[in-house]
Amino acid sequence: MDTVKIELDGVYAGWTIELRRNVSARILIDLQGDTAVQFAAFARLVVSHNFKDIDGNAADDILDAPVAAITAAMEKWATAISALPNA
């Protein structure tokens, strides 16, 4: 599986997430949907992460992490995959 590892910074320094590099057409379409659909699509890209939930505990599901951390990861993932050569 071809993945991209993203490291967050600022208040989320030390948080990392490994995401699929390649996406299906369905996931790509969903990433352009409304917020709920976007977050659900992004969650399907997650291979592993060390994100915490809003209470500071390990988040079993990425969707239990703070919205700001998920959004930062989404933005960094989009930037990272656009800079990579096509598979």
C-alpha atoms as a PDB file:
ATOM      1  CA  MET A   1       0.000   0.000   0.000  1.00  0.00           C
ATOM      2  CA  ASP A   2       1.332   3.383  -0.995  1.00  0.00           C
ATOM      3  CA  THR A   3       1.006   5.843   1.888  1.00  0.00           C
ATOM      4  CA  VAL A   4       1.971   9.331   2.981  1.00  0.00           C
ATOM      5  CA  LYS A   5       2.947  10.150   6.569  1.00  0.00           C
ATOM      6  CA  ILE A   6       1.806  13.542   7.802  1.00  0.00           C
ATOM      7  CA  GLU A   7       3.165  15.276  10.887  1.00  0.00           C
ATOM      8  CA  LEU A   8       1.194  18.089  12.434  1.00  0.00           C
ATOM      9  CA  ASP A   9       2.734  21.131  14.059  1.00  0.00           C
ATOM     10  CA  GLY A  10       1.756  23.920  16.410  1.00  0.00           C
ATOM     11  CA  VAL A  11      -0.600  22.849  19.183  1.00  0.00           C
ATOM     12  CA  TYR A  12      -0.717  19.374  17.581  1.00  0.00           C
ATOM     13  CA  ALA A  13       3.058  18.917  17.270  1.00  0.00           C
ATOM     14  CA  GLY A  14       3.960  15.246  17.579  1.00  0.00           C
ATOM     15  CA  TRP A  15       0.658  14.044  16.149  1.00  0.00           C
ATOM     16  CA  THR A  16       1.187  11.897  13.081  1.00  0.00           C
ATOM     17  CA  ILE A  17      -1.127  10.201  10.647  1.00  0.00           C
ATOM     18  CA  GLU A  18      -0.414   7.740   7.853  1.00  0.00           C
ATOM     19  CA  LEU A  19      -2.810   8.025   4.942  1.00  0.00           C
ATOM     20  CA  ARG A  20      -3.354   6.263   1.658  1.00  0.00           C
ATOM     21  CA  ARG A  21      -1.781   8.130  -1.196  1.00  0.00           C
ATOM     22  CA  ASN A  22      -4.123   6.861  -3.887  1.00  0.00           C
ATOM     23  CA  VAL A  23      -7.873   7.254  -3.675  1.00  0.00           C
ATOM     24  CA  SER A  24     -10.794   5.816  -5.566  1.00  0.00           C
ATOM     25  CA  ALA A  25     -13.047   8.024  -7.661  1.00  0.00           C
ATOM     26  CA  ARG A  26     -15.776   7.546  -5.031  1.00  0.00           C
ATOM     27  CA  ILE A  27     -13.547   8.848  -2.230  1.00  0.00           C
ATOM     28  CA  LEU A  28     -12.424  11.773  -4.387  1.00  0.00           C
ATOM     29  CA  ILE A  29     -16.055  12.715  -5.052  1.00  0.00           C
ATOM     30  CA  ASP A  30     -16.892  12.367  -1.351  1.00  0.00           C
ATOM     31  CA  LEU A  31     -13.936  14.577  -0.389  1.00  0.00           C
ATOM     32  CA  GLN A  32     -15.688  17.323  -2.343  1.00  0.00           C
ATOM     33  CA  GLY A  33     -19.063  16.788  -0.633  1.00  0.00           C
ATOM     34  CA  ASP A  34     -20.533  18.433   2.425  1.00  0.00           C
ATOM     35  CA  THR A  35     -18.566  18.434   5.662  1.00  0.00           C
ATOM     36  CA  ALA A  36     -19.979  15.171   7.041  1.00  0.00           C
ATOM     37  CA  VAL A  37     -19.266  13.349   3.786  1.00  0.00           C
ATOM     38  CA  GLN A  38     -15.759  14.856   3.543  1.00  0.00           C
ATOM     39  CA  PHE A  39     -14.773  13.748   7.036  1.00  0.00           C
ATOM     40  CA  ALA A  40     -16.173  10.237   6.507  1.00  0.00           C
ATOM     41  CA  ALA A  41     -14.247   9.956   3.219  1.00  0.00           C
ATOM     42  CA  PHE A  42     -11.053  11.179   4.867  1.00  0.00           C
ATOM     43  CA  ALA A  43     -11.463   8.608   7.640  1.00  0.00           C
ATOM     44  CA  ARG A  44     -11.409   5.872   4.967  1.00  0.00           C
ATOM     45  CA  LEU A  45      -7.905   7.013   3.950  1.00  0.00           C
ATOM     46  CA  VAL A  46      -6.403   6.550   7.422  1.00  0.00           C
ATOM     47  CA  VAL A  47      -3.946   3.673   7.822  1.00  0.00           C
ATOM     48  CA  SER A  48      -2.708   4.653  11.290  1.00  0.00           C
ATOM     49  CA  HIS A  49      -2.538   7.662  13.598  1.00  0.00           C
ATOM     50  CA  ASN A  50      -1.645   8.743  17.112  1.00  0.00           C
ATOM     51  CA  PHE A  51      -4.306  11.449  17.410  1.00  0.00           C
ATOM     52  CA  LYS A  52      -6.021  12.099  20.712  1.00  0.00           C
ATOM     53  CA  ASP A  53      -9.699  12.674  21.341  1.00  0.00           C
ATOM     54  CA  ILE A  54     -11.090  15.911  22.730  1.00  0.00           C
ATOM     55  CA  ASP A  55     -10.437  14.664  26.282  1.00  0.00           C
ATOM     56  CA  GLY A  56      -6.753  13.954  25.599  1.00  0.00           C
ATOM     57  CA  ASN A  57      -7.089  10.157  25.363  1.00  0.00           C
ATOM     58  CA  ALA A  58      -5.925   8.078  22.411  1.00  0.00           C
ATOM     59  CA  ALA A  59      -8.584   8.358  19.705  1.00  0.00           C
ATOM     60  CA  ASP A  60      -9.599   4.948  18.424  1.00  0.00           C
ATOM     61  CA  ASP A  61     -11.402   6.567  15.507  1.00  0.00           C
ATOM     62  CA  ILE A  62      -9.898   9.568  13.743  1.00  0.00           C
ATOM     63  CA  LEU A  63     -13.324  11.200  13.819  1.00  0.00           C
ATOM     64  CA  ASP A  64     -13.049  11.460  17.613  1.00  0.00           C
ATOM     65  CA  ALA A  65     -10.069  13.832  17.269  1.00  0.00           C
ATOM     66  CA  PRO A  66     -10.467  17.617  17.346  1.00  0.00           C
ATOM     67  CA  VAL A  67     -11.819  19.069  14.110  1.00  0.00           C
ATOM     68  CA  ALA A  68      -8.842  21.439  13.826  1.00  0.00           C
ATOM     69  CA  ALA A  69      -6.401  18.500  13.872  1.00  0.00           C
ATOM     70  CA  ILE A  70      -8.375  16.579  11.258  1.00  0.00           C
ATOM     71  CA  THR A  71      -8.645  19.651   9.044  1.00  0.00           C
ATOM     72  CA  ALA A  72      -4.899  20.315   9.337  1.00  0.00           C
ATOM     73  CA  ALA A  73      -4.190  16.691   8.402  1.00  0.00           C
ATOM     74  CA  MET A  74      -6.534  16.905   5.412  1.00  0.00           C
ATOM     75  CA  GLU A  75      -4.815  20.046   4.154  1.00  0.00           C
ATOM     76  CA  LYS A  76      -1.318  18.606   4.620  1.00  0.00           C
ATOM     77  CA  TRP A  77      -2.364  15.352   2.910  1.00  0.00           C
ATOM     78  CA  ALA A  78      -3.739  17.244  -0.105  1.00  0.00           C
ATOM     79  CA  THR A  79      -0.530  19.256  -0.369  1.00  0.00           C
ATOM     80  CA  ALA A  80       1.664  16.172   0.011  1.00  0.00           C
ATOM     81  CA  ILE A  81      -0.081  14.068  -2.624  1.00  0.00           C
ATOM     82  CA  SER A  82      -0.202  16.930  -5.124  1.00  0.00           C
ATOM     83  CA  ALA A  83       3.612  17.219  -4.836  1.00  0.00           C
ATOM     84  CA  LEU A  84       4.218  13.503  -5.464  1.00  0.00           C
ATOM     85  CA  PRO A  85       4.682  12.023  -8.938  1.00  0.00           C
ATOM     86  CA  ASN A  86       1.778   9.930 -10.203  1.00  0.00           C
ATOM     87  CA  ALA A  87       1.975   6.231  -9.349  1.00  0.00           C
END
